Structures are given as structure tokens and as C-alpha cells.
Amino acid sequence: MSFPESNEQPPHDNTENELAAQKEQILKQILSSEARMRLNNIKMVKPELSNLVEQYLIGMATQGKIPGQLSDDQLKQILLSLQQPKRDFKINRV
């Protein structure tokens, strides 16, 4: 028994590809090349943080709150503000 092979992708995949392409286009417009490289590096290490930052940036851009391209330093500030603070534990031994 063999299954018929289909070279067509389901329509679900096409819309995902289009959305990803639109997201990349917006990020290219609002981020400098250094900032895009930093965001791509973060995506490899912490994909959830990268997605959060991308959604934040795209939302700000669609509202018109980002006048030009963001530099690497500005992206660093955004990353610091979005990251949850680490908890410090102090253990006292008796």
C-alpha cells in the first residue's frame, strides 16, 4: 500500500510562510544590521525572548512609535527592560 505523493503544501503552511516573511520585512525596516544580528543570535539561544521582542517591536512599529531604525544599543535597552529580573538567593549556614 502506498500513499499518493503530493508536492503541494497545505494552505496552513503558506499563510505561516507569508506571515514570517512580513515579520522579517518589518524587522529589516526598523532594525539596523547590528541589531538584527543580535536578535538572530538571541533567537538561537532564547527563542521565547526573541519572539517576545519581535512582537513588541512590530507592535511599536505598527503604532508608529518607532520613528527610524533602532540601533544595537537601543535594542539592548529594550532587551534589558523585557527580561525578567533574576532572583538572588542568599543562604546563611548556621
PDB file of N, CA and C in Angstrom:
ATOM      1  N   MET A   1       0.832  -1.169   0.000  1.00  0.00           N
ATOM      2  CA  MET A   1       0.000   0.000   0.000  1.00  0.00           C
ATOM      3  C   MET A   1       0.882   1.239   0.000  1.00  0.00           C
ATOM      4  N   SER A   2       0.652   2.124  -0.913  1.00  0.00           N
ATOM      5  CA  SER A   2       1.439   3.351  -0.966  1.00  0.00           C
ATOM      6  C   SER A   2       0.502   4.549  -0.962  1.00  0.00           C
ATOM      7  N   PHE A   3       1.030   5.623  -0.442  1.00  0.00           N
ATOM      8  CA  PHE A   3       0.246   6.847  -0.368  1.00  0.00           C
ATOM      9  C   PHE A   3       0.589   7.720  -1.560  1.00  0.00           C
ATOM     10  N   PRO A   4      -0.398   8.400  -2.096  1.00  0.00           N
ATOM     11  CA  PRO A   4      -0.079   9.303  -3.213  1.00  0.00           C
ATOM     12  C   PRO A   4       0.762  10.476  -2.710  1.00  0.00           C
ATOM     13  N   GLU A   5       1.765  10.787  -3.489  1.00  0.00           N
ATOM     14  CA  GLU A   5       2.640  11.886  -3.109  1.00  0.00           C
ATOM     15  C   GLU A   5       2.087  13.185  -3.664  1.00  0.00           C
ATOM     16  N   SER A   6       2.170  14.189  -2.852  1.00  0.00           N
ATOM     17  CA  SER A   6       1.674  15.494  -3.261  1.00  0.00           C
ATOM     18  C   SER A   6       2.785  16.522  -3.048  1.00  0.00           C
ATOM     19  N   ASN A   7       3.044  17.318  -4.062  1.00  0.00           N
ATOM     20  CA  ASN A   7       4.061  18.353  -3.957  1.00  0.00           C
ATOM     21  C   ASN A   7       3.478  19.651  -3.417  1.00  0.00           C
ATOM     22  N   GLU A   8       2.155  19.668  -3.220  1.00  0.00           N
ATOM     23  CA  GLU A   8       1.513  20.876  -2.719  1.00  0.00           C
ATOM     24  C   GLU A   8       1.610  20.921  -1.207  1.00  0.00           C
ATOM     25  N   GLN A   9       1.871  22.133  -0.703  1.00  0.00           N
ATOM     26  CA  GLN A   9       1.883  22.316   0.735  1.00  0.00           C
ATOM     27  C   GLN A   9       0.465  22.660   1.176  1.00  0.00           C
ATOM     28  N   PRO A  10       0.101  22.259   2.371  1.00  0.00           N
ATOM     29  CA  PRO A  10      -1.222  22.657   2.842  1.00  0.00           C
ATOM     30  C   PRO A  10      -1.327  24.178   2.922  1.00  0.00           C
ATOM     31  N   PRO A  11      -2.516  24.718   2.763  1.00  0.00           N
ATOM     32  CA  PRO A  11      -2.662  26.179   2.802  1.00  0.00           C
ATOM     33  C   PRO A  11      -2.207  26.779   4.123  1.00  0.00           C
ATOM     34  N   HIS A  12      -2.269  26.021   5.172  1.00  0.00           N
ATOM     35  CA  HIS A  12      -1.841  26.452   6.507  1.00  0.00           C
ATOM     36  C   HIS A  12      -0.369  26.857   6.488  1.00  0.00           C
ATOM     37  N   ASP A  13       0.479  26.102   5.819  1.00  0.00           N
ATOM     38  CA  ASP A  13       1.908  26.410   5.746  1.00  0.00           C
ATOM     39  C   ASP A  13       2.179  27.681   4.944  1.00  0.00           C
ATOM     40  N   ASN A  14       1.396  27.895   3.887  1.00  0.00           N
ATOM     41  CA  ASN A  14       1.599  29.085   3.064  1.00  0.00           C
ATOM     42  C   ASN A  14       1.336  30.360   3.853  1.00  0.00           C
ATOM     43  N   THR A  15       0.298  30.360   4.659  1.00  0.00           N
ATOM     44  CA  THR A  15      -0.001  31.563   5.434  1.00  0.00           C
ATOM     45  C   THR A  15       1.068  31.797   6.498  1.00  0.00           C
ATOM     46  N   GLU A  16       1.587  30.728   7.082  1.00  0.00           N
ATOM     47  CA  GLU A  16       2.675  30.872   8.058  1.00  0.00           C
ATOM     48  C   GLU A  16       3.917  31.455   7.393  1.00  0.00           C
ATOM     49  N   ASN A  17       4.227  30.983   6.190  1.00  0.00           N
ATOM     50  CA  ASN A  17       5.388  31.495   5.463  1.00  0.00           C
ATOM     51  C   ASN A  17       5.204  32.970   5.115  1.00  0.00           C
ATOM     52  N   GLU A  18       3.991  33.348   4.726  1.00  0.00           N
ATOM     53  CA  GLU A  18       3.722  34.745   4.390  1.00  0.00           C
ATOM     54  C   GLU A  18       3.853  35.629   5.627  1.00  0.00           C
ATOM     55  N   LEU A  19       3.322  35.171   6.755  1.00  0.00           N
ATOM     56  CA  LEU A  19       3.427  35.951   7.986  1.00  0.00           C
ATOM     57  C   LEU A  19       4.881  36.098   8.419  1.00  0.00           C
ATOM     58  N   ALA A  20       5.655  35.021   8.300  1.00  0.00           N
ATOM     59  CA  ALA A  20       7.067  35.083   8.659  1.00  0.00           C
ATOM     60  C   ALA A  20       7.812  36.051   7.741  1.00  0.00           C
ATOM     61  N   ALA A  21       7.481  36.044   6.468  1.00  0.00           N
ATOM     62  CA  ALA A  21       8.124  36.953   5.515  1.00  0.00           C
ATOM     63  C   ALA A  21       7.761  38.410   5.829  1.00  0.00           C
ATOM     64  N   GLN A  22       6.502  38.657   6.188  1.00  0.00           N
ATOM     65  CA  GLN A  22       6.090  40.017   6.550  1.00  0.00           C
ATOM     66  C   GLN A  22       6.800  40.476   7.814  1.00  0.00           C
ATOM     67  N   LYS A  23       6.928  39.571   8.793  1.00  0.00           N
ATOM     68  CA  LYS A  23       7.601  39.903  10.043  1.00  0.00           C
ATOM     69  C   LYS A  23       9.065  40.254   9.773  1.00  0.00           C
ATOM     70  N   GLU A  24       9.732  39.462   8.955  1.00  0.00           N
ATOM     71  CA  GLU A  24      11.127  39.729   8.612  1.00  0.00           C
ATOM     72  C   GLU A  24      11.278  41.062   7.895  1.00  0.00           C
ATOM     73  N   GLN A  25      10.340  41.378   7.016  1.00  0.00           N
ATOM     74  CA  GLN A  25      10.403  42.642   6.281  1.00  0.00           C
ATOM     75  C   GLN A  25      10.266  43.832   7.229  1.00  0.00           C
ATOM     76  N   ILE A  26       9.342  43.739   8.174  1.00  0.00           N
ATOM     77  CA  ILE A  26       9.159  44.828   9.140  1.00  0.00           C
ATOM     78  C   ILE A  26      10.411  44.975   9.995  1.00  0.00           C
ATOM     79  N   LEU A  27      10.974  43.855  10.453  1.00  0.00           N
ATOM     80  CA  LEU A  27      12.169  43.922  11.294  1.00  0.00           C
ATOM     81  C   LEU A  27      13.353  44.502  10.531  1.00  0.00           C
ATOM     82  N   LYS A  28      13.451  44.205   9.232  1.00  0.00           N
ATOM     83  CA  LYS A  28      14.535  44.779   8.421  1.00  0.00           C
ATOM     84  C   LYS A  28      14.407  46.293   8.335  1.00  0.00           C
ATOM     85  N   GLN A  29      13.173  46.781   8.326  1.00  0.00           N
ATOM     86  CA  GLN A  29      12.947  48.219   8.221  1.00  0.00           C
ATOM     87  C   GLN A  29      13.247  48.941   9.523  1.00  0.00           C
ATOM     88  N   ILE A  30      12.966  48.309  10.664  1.00  0.00           N
ATOM     89  CA  ILE A  30      13.083  49.042  11.930  1.00  0.00           C
ATOM     90  C   ILE A  30      14.366  48.757  12.699  1.00  0.00           C
ATOM     91  N   LEU A  31      15.149  47.751  12.274  1.00  0.00           N
ATOM     92  CA  LEU A  31      16.387  47.421  12.991  1.00  0.00           C
ATOM     93  C   LEU A  31      17.601  47.642  12.103  1.00  0.00           C
ATOM     94  N   SER A  32      18.665  48.143  12.707  1.00  0.00           N
ATOM     95  CA  SER A  32      19.931  48.252  11.984  1.00  0.00           C
ATOM     96  C   SER A  32      20.499  46.847  11.790  1.00  0.00           C
ATOM     97  N   SER A  33      21.524  46.718  10.960  1.00  0.00           N
ATOM     98  CA  SER A  33      22.085  45.386  10.682  1.00  0.00           C
ATOM     99  C   SER A  33      22.679  44.761  11.945  1.00  0.00           C
ATOM    100  N   GLU A  34      23.318  45.584  12.799  1.00  0.00           N
ATOM    101  CA  GLU A  34      23.887  45.043  14.038  1.00  0.00           C
ATOM    102  C   GLU A  34      22.787  44.563  14.978  1.00  0.00           C
ATOM    103  N   ALA A  35      21.700  45.319  15.048  1.00  0.00           N
ATOM    104  CA  ALA A  35      20.586  44.941  15.916  1.00  0.00           C
ATOM    105  C   ALA A  35      19.925  43.662  15.413  1.00  0.00           C
ATOM    106  N   ARG A  36      19.795  43.514  14.096  1.00  0.00           N
ATOM    107  CA  ARG A  36      19.223  42.275  13.546  1.00  0.00           C
ATOM    108  C   ARG A  36      20.111  41.078  13.848  1.00  0.00           C
ATOM    109  N   MET A  37      21.431  41.273  13.760  1.00  0.00           N
ATOM    110  CA  MET A  37      22.351  40.175  14.081  1.00  0.00           C
ATOM    111  C   MET A  37      22.202  39.780  15.550  1.00  0.00           C
ATOM    112  N   ARG A  38      22.101  40.770  16.429  1.00  0.00           N
ATOM    113  CA  ARG A  38      21.930  40.483  17.856  1.00  0.00           C
ATOM    114  C   ARG A  38      20.625  39.707  18.092  1.00  0.00           C
ATOM    115  N   LEU A  39      19.551  40.138  17.446  1.00  0.00           N
ATOM    116  CA  LEU A  39      18.266  39.468  17.621  1.00  0.00           C
ATOM    117  C   LEU A  39      18.318  38.035  17.089  1.00  0.00           C
ATOM    118  N   ASN A  40      19.012  37.807  15.981  1.00  0.00           N
ATOM    119  CA  ASN A  40      19.168  36.454  15.452  1.00  0.00           C
ATOM    120  C   ASN A  40      19.989  35.581  16.393  1.00  0.00           C
ATOM    121  N   ASN A  41      21.025  36.155  17.015  1.00  0.00           N
ATOM    122  CA  ASN A  41      21.816  35.396  17.987  1.00  0.00           C
ATOM    123  C   ASN A  41      20.973  35.022  19.200  1.00  0.00           C
ATOM    124  N   ILE A  42      20.145  35.939  19.633  1.00  0.00           N
ATOM    125  CA  ILE A  42      19.271  35.657  20.771  1.00  0.00           C
ATOM    126  C   ILE A  42      18.265  34.578  20.404  1.00  0.00           C
ATOM    127  N   LYS A  43      17.803  34.600  19.156  1.00  0.00           N
ATOM    128  CA  LYS A  43      16.824  33.607  18.707  1.00  0.00           C
ATOM    129  C   LYS A  43      17.382  32.193  18.809  1.00  0.00           C
ATOM    130  N   MET A  44      18.684  32.048  18.591  1.00  0.00           N
ATOM    131  CA  MET A  44      19.296  30.721  18.687  1.00  0.00           C
ATOM    132  C   MET A  44      19.379  30.242  20.130  1.00  0.00           C
ATOM    133  N   VAL A  45      19.588  31.175  21.065  1.00  0.00           N
ATOM    134  CA  VAL A  45      19.784  30.808  22.464  1.00  0.00           C
ATOM    135  C   VAL A  45      18.467  30.809  23.241  1.00  0.00           C
ATOM    136  N   LYS A  46      17.700  31.871  23.078  1.00  0.00           N
ATOM    137  CA  LYS A  46      16.438  32.022  23.812  1.00  0.00           C
ATOM    138  C   LYS A  46      15.323  32.386  22.838  1.00  0.00           C
ATOM    139  N   PRO A  47      14.745  31.390  22.165  1.00  0.00           N
ATOM    140  CA  PRO A  47      13.715  31.696  21.165  1.00  0.00           C
ATOM    141  C   PRO A  47      12.489  32.400  21.758  1.00  0.00           C
ATOM    142  N   GLU A  48      12.139  32.078  23.009  1.00  0.00           N
ATOM    143  CA  GLU A  48      10.953  32.712  23.600  1.00  0.00           C
ATOM    144  C   GLU A  48      11.188  34.207  23.841  1.00  0.00           C
ATOM    145  N   LEU A  49      12.377  34.583  24.246  1.00  0.00           N
ATOM    146  CA  LEU A  49      12.709  36.003  24.435  1.00  0.00           C
ATOM    147  C   LEU A  49      12.728  36.715  23.085  1.00  0.00           C
ATOM    148  N   SER A  50      13.274  36.059  22.085  1.00  0.00           N
ATOM    149  CA  SER A  50      13.336  36.644  20.749  1.00  0.00           C
ATOM    150  C   SER A  50      11.930  36.906  20.207  1.00  0.00           C
ATOM    151  N   ASN A  51      11.030  35.947  20.387  1.00  0.00           N
ATOM    152  CA  ASN A  51       9.654  36.130  19.916  1.00  0.00           C
ATOM    153  C   ASN A  51       8.966  37.273  20.654  1.00  0.00           C
ATOM    154  N   LEU A  52       9.212  37.372  21.939  1.00  0.00           N
ATOM    155  CA  LEU A  52       8.635  38.456  22.733  1.00  0.00           C
ATOM    156  C   LEU A  52       9.126  39.813  22.234  1.00  0.00           C
ATOM    157  N   VAL A  53      10.414  39.920  21.975  1.00  0.00           N
ATOM    158  CA  VAL A  53      10.993  41.178  21.490  1.00  0.00           C
ATOM    159  C   VAL A  53      10.456  41.505  20.098  1.00  0.00           C
ATOM    160  N   GLU A  54      10.376  40.499  19.231  1.00  0.00           N
ATOM    161  CA  GLU A  54       9.866  40.733  17.883  1.00  0.00           C
ATOM    162  C   GLU A  54       8.428  41.232  17.923  1.00  0.00           C
ATOM    163  N   GLN A  55       7.593  40.607  18.746  1.00  0.00           N
ATOM    164  CA  GLN A  55       6.197  41.047  18.859  1.00  0.00           C
ATOM    165  C   GLN A  55       6.118  42.473  19.389  1.00  0.00           C
ATOM    166  N   TYR A  56       6.947  42.786  20.371  1.00  0.00           N
ATOM    167  CA  TYR A  56       6.976  44.135  20.939  1.00  0.00           C
ATOM    168  C   TYR A  56       7.375  45.160  19.874  1.00  0.00           C
ATOM    169  N   LEU A  57       8.447  44.851  19.136  1.00  0.00           N
ATOM    170  CA  LEU A  57       8.938  45.784  18.118  1.00  0.00           C
ATOM    171  C   LEU A  57       7.927  45.982  16.994  1.00  0.00           C
ATOM    172  N   ILE A  58       7.305  44.906  16.562  1.00  0.00           N
ATOM    173  CA  ILE A  58       6.325  45.005  15.481  1.00  0.00           C
ATOM    174  C   ILE A  58       5.103  45.800  15.951  1.00  0.00           C
ATOM    175  N   GLY A  59       4.701  45.576  17.186  1.00  0.00           N
ATOM    176  CA  GLY A  59       3.586  46.348  17.726  1.00  0.00           C
ATOM    177  C   GLY A  59       3.901  47.830  17.800  1.00  0.00           C
ATOM    178  N   MET A  60       5.108  48.148  18.248  1.00  0.00           N
ATOM    179  CA  MET A  60       5.515  49.557  18.331  1.00  0.00           C
ATOM    180  C   MET A  60       5.593  50.175  16.928  1.00  0.00           C
ATOM    181  N   ALA A  61       6.092  49.411  15.974  1.00  0.00           N
ATOM    182  CA  ALA A  61       6.226  49.932  14.611  1.00  0.00           C
ATOM    183  C   ALA A  61       4.856  50.168  13.979  1.00  0.00           C
ATOM    184  N   THR A  62       3.910  49.271  14.201  1.00  0.00           N
ATOM    185  CA  THR A  62       2.580  49.436  13.601  1.00  0.00           C
ATOM    186  C   THR A  62       1.830  50.610  14.234  1.00  0.00           C
ATOM    187  N   GLN A  63       2.170  50.939  15.482  1.00  0.00           N
ATOM    188  CA  GLN A  63       1.552  52.094  16.132  1.00  0.00           C
ATOM    189  C   GLN A  63       2.266  53.399  15.773  1.00  0.00           C
ATOM    190  N   GLY A  64       3.380  53.292  15.061  1.00  0.00           N
ATOM    191  CA  GLY A  64       4.123  54.472  14.647  1.00  0.00           C
ATOM    192  C   GLY A  64       4.984  55.066  15.751  1.00  0.00           C
ATOM    193  N   LYS A  65       5.331  54.269  16.745  1.00  0.00           N
ATOM    194  CA  LYS A  65       6.125  54.775  17.862  1.00  0.00           C
ATOM    195  C   LYS A  65       7.626  54.614  17.652  1.00  0.00           C
ATOM    196  N   ILE A  66       8.023  54.007  16.545  1.00  0.00           N
ATOM    197  CA  ILE A  66       9.441  53.871  16.221  1.00  0.00           C
ATOM    198  C   ILE A  66       9.700  54.747  14.997  1.00  0.00           C
ATOM    199  N   PRO A  67      10.339  55.908  15.198  1.00  0.00           N
ATOM    200  CA  PRO A  67      10.492  56.857  14.092  1.00  0.00           C
ATOM    201  C   PRO A  67      11.461  56.392  13.004  1.00  0.00           C
ATOM    202  N   GLY A  68      12.569  55.772  13.378  1.00  0.00           N
ATOM    203  CA  GLY A  68      13.555  55.341  12.389  1.00  0.00           C
ATOM    204  C   GLY A  68      14.060  53.959  12.742  1.00  0.00           C
ATOM    205  N   GLN A  69      15.269  53.673  12.302  1.00  0.00           N
ATOM    206  CA  GLN A  69      15.855  52.382  12.635  1.00  0.00           C
ATOM    207  C   GLN A  69      16.406  52.401  14.050  1.00  0.00           C
ATOM    208  N   LEU A  70      16.221  51.280  14.751  1.00  0.00           N
ATOM    209  CA  LEU A  70      16.774  51.134  16.091  1.00  0.00           C
ATOM    210  C   LEU A  70      18.213  50.656  15.993  1.00  0.00           C
ATOM    211  N   SER A  71      19.076  51.254  16.788  1.00  0.00           N
ATOM    212  CA  SER A  71      20.472  50.836  16.807  1.00  0.00           C
ATOM    213  C   SER A  71      20.635  49.635  17.738  1.00  0.00           C
ATOM    214  N   ASP A  72      21.829  49.095  17.745  1.00  0.00           N
ATOM    215  CA  ASP A  72      22.132  47.957  18.605  1.00  0.00           C
ATOM    216  C   ASP A  72      21.995  48.341  20.079  1.00  0.00           C
ATOM    217  N   ASP A  73      22.439  49.542  20.435  1.00  0.00           N
ATOM    218  CA  ASP A  73      22.336  49.991  21.824  1.00  0.00           C
ATOM    219  C   ASP A  73      20.880  50.140  22.256  1.00  0.00           C
ATOM    220  N   GLN A  74      20.038  50.646  21.369  1.00  0.00           N
ATOM    221  CA  GLN A  74      18.625  50.790  21.702  1.00  0.00           C
ATOM    222  C   GLN A  74      17.971  49.422  21.878  1.00  0.00           C
ATOM    223  N   LEU A  75      18.371  48.446  21.036  1.00  0.00           N
ATOM    224  CA  LEU A  75      17.839  47.094  21.178  1.00  0.00           C
ATOM    225  C   LEU A  75      18.282  46.482  22.501  1.00  0.00           C
ATOM    226  N   LYS A  76      19.515  46.753  22.915  1.00  0.00           N
ATOM    227  CA  LYS A  76      19.995  46.254  24.207  1.00  0.00           C
ATOM    228  C   LYS A  76      19.125  46.772  25.342  1.00  0.00           C
ATOM    229  N   GLN A  77      18.768  48.046  25.276  1.00  0.00           N
ATOM    230  CA  GLN A  77      17.918  48.637  26.318  1.00  0.00           C
ATOM    231  C   GLN A  77      16.541  47.972  26.339  1.00  0.00           C
ATOM    232  N   ILE A  78      15.990  47.698  25.174  1.00  0.00           N
ATOM    233  CA  ILE A  78      14.691  47.025  25.096  1.00  0.00           C
ATOM    234  C   ILE A  78      14.795  45.618  25.675  1.00  0.00           C
ATOM    235  N   LEU A  79      15.880  44.924  25.344  1.00  0.00           N
ATOM    236  CA  LEU A  79      16.078  43.571  25.870  1.00  0.00           C
ATOM    237  C   LEU A  79      16.173  43.583  27.392  1.00  0.00           C
ATOM    238  N   LEU A  80      16.908  44.541  27.929  1.00  0.00           N
ATOM    239  CA  LEU A  80      17.042  44.630  29.381  1.00  0.00           C
ATOM    240  C   LEU A  80      15.699  44.924  30.046  1.00  0.00           C
ATOM    241  N   SER A  81      14.892  45.751  29.415  1.00  0.00           N
ATOM    242  CA  SER A  81      13.608  46.097  30.015  1.00  0.00           C
ATOM    243  C   SER A  81      12.611  44.940  29.933  1.00  0.00           C
ATOM    244  N   LEU A  82      12.722  44.079  28.911  1.00  0.00           N
ATOM    245  CA  LEU A  82      11.773  42.978  28.751  1.00  0.00           C
ATOM    246  C   LEU A  82      12.169  41.720  29.528  1.00  0.00           C
ATOM    247  N   GLN A  83      13.446  41.581  29.838  1.00  0.00           N
ATOM    248  CA  GLN A  83      13.875  40.392  30.567  1.00  0.00           C
ATOM    249  C   GLN A  83      13.384  40.465  31.997  1.00  0.00           C
ATOM    250  N   GLN A  84      12.982  39.317  32.493  1.00  0.00           N
ATOM    251  CA  GLN A  84      12.558  39.263  33.879  1.00  0.00           C
ATOM    252  C   GLN A  84      13.792  39.272  34.764  1.00  0.00           C
ATOM    253  N   PRO A  85      13.729  39.998  35.863  1.00  0.00           N
ATOM    254  CA  PRO A  85      14.904  40.068  36.740  1.00  0.00           C
ATOM    255  C   PRO A  85      15.203  38.699  37.352  1.00  0.00           C
ATOM    256  N   LYS A  86      16.482  38.446  37.485  1.00  0.00           N
ATOM    257  CA  LYS A  86      16.900  37.193  38.107  1.00  0.00           C
ATOM    258  C   LYS A  86      16.759  37.325  39.612  1.00  0.00           C
ATOM    259  N   ARG A  87      16.428  36.223  40.240  1.00  0.00           N
ATOM    260  CA  ARG A  87      16.292  36.235  41.679  1.00  0.00           C
ATOM    261  C   ARG A  87      17.616  35.830  42.305  1.00  0.00           C
ATOM    262  N   ASP A  88      17.996  36.572  43.310  1.00  0.00           N
ATOM    263  CA  ASP A  88      19.209  36.243  44.052  1.00  0.00           C
ATOM    264  C   ASP A  88      18.810  35.536  45.339  1.00  0.00           C
ATOM    265  N   PHE A  89      19.487  34.455  45.588  1.00  0.00           N
ATOM    266  CA  PHE A  89      19.237  33.716  46.812  1.00  0.00           C
ATOM    267  C   PHE A  89      20.462  33.813  47.703  1.00  0.00           C
ATOM    268  N   LYS A  90      20.218  34.066  48.945  1.00  0.00           N
ATOM    269  CA  LYS A  90      21.312  34.140  49.896  1.00  0.00           C
ATOM    270  C   LYS A  90      21.079  33.051  50.944  1.00  0.00           C
ATOM    271  N   ILE A  91      22.041  32.197  51.087  1.00  0.00           N
ATOM    272  CA  ILE A  91      21.927  31.088  52.035  1.00  0.00           C
ATOM    273  C   ILE A  91      22.856  31.341  53.198  1.00  0.00           C
ATOM    274  N   ASN A  92      22.275  31.387  54.367  1.00  0.00           N
ATOM    275  CA  ASN A  92      23.065  31.559  55.589  1.00  0.00           C
ATOM    276  C   ASN A  92      23.178  30.203  56.277  1.00  0.00           C
ATOM    277  N   ARG A  93      24.389  29.787  56.473  1.00  0.00           N
ATOM    278  CA  ARG A  93      24.613  28.498  57.132  1.00  0.00           C
ATOM    279  C   ARG A  93      24.873  28.747  58.623  1.00  0.00           C
ATOM    280  N   VAL A  94      24.274  27.913  59.436  1.00  0.00           N
ATOM    281  CA  VAL A  94      24.476  28.032  60.890  1.00  0.00           C
ATOM    282  C   VAL A  94      25.170  26.814  61.440  1.00  0.00           C
TER     283      VAL A  94
END
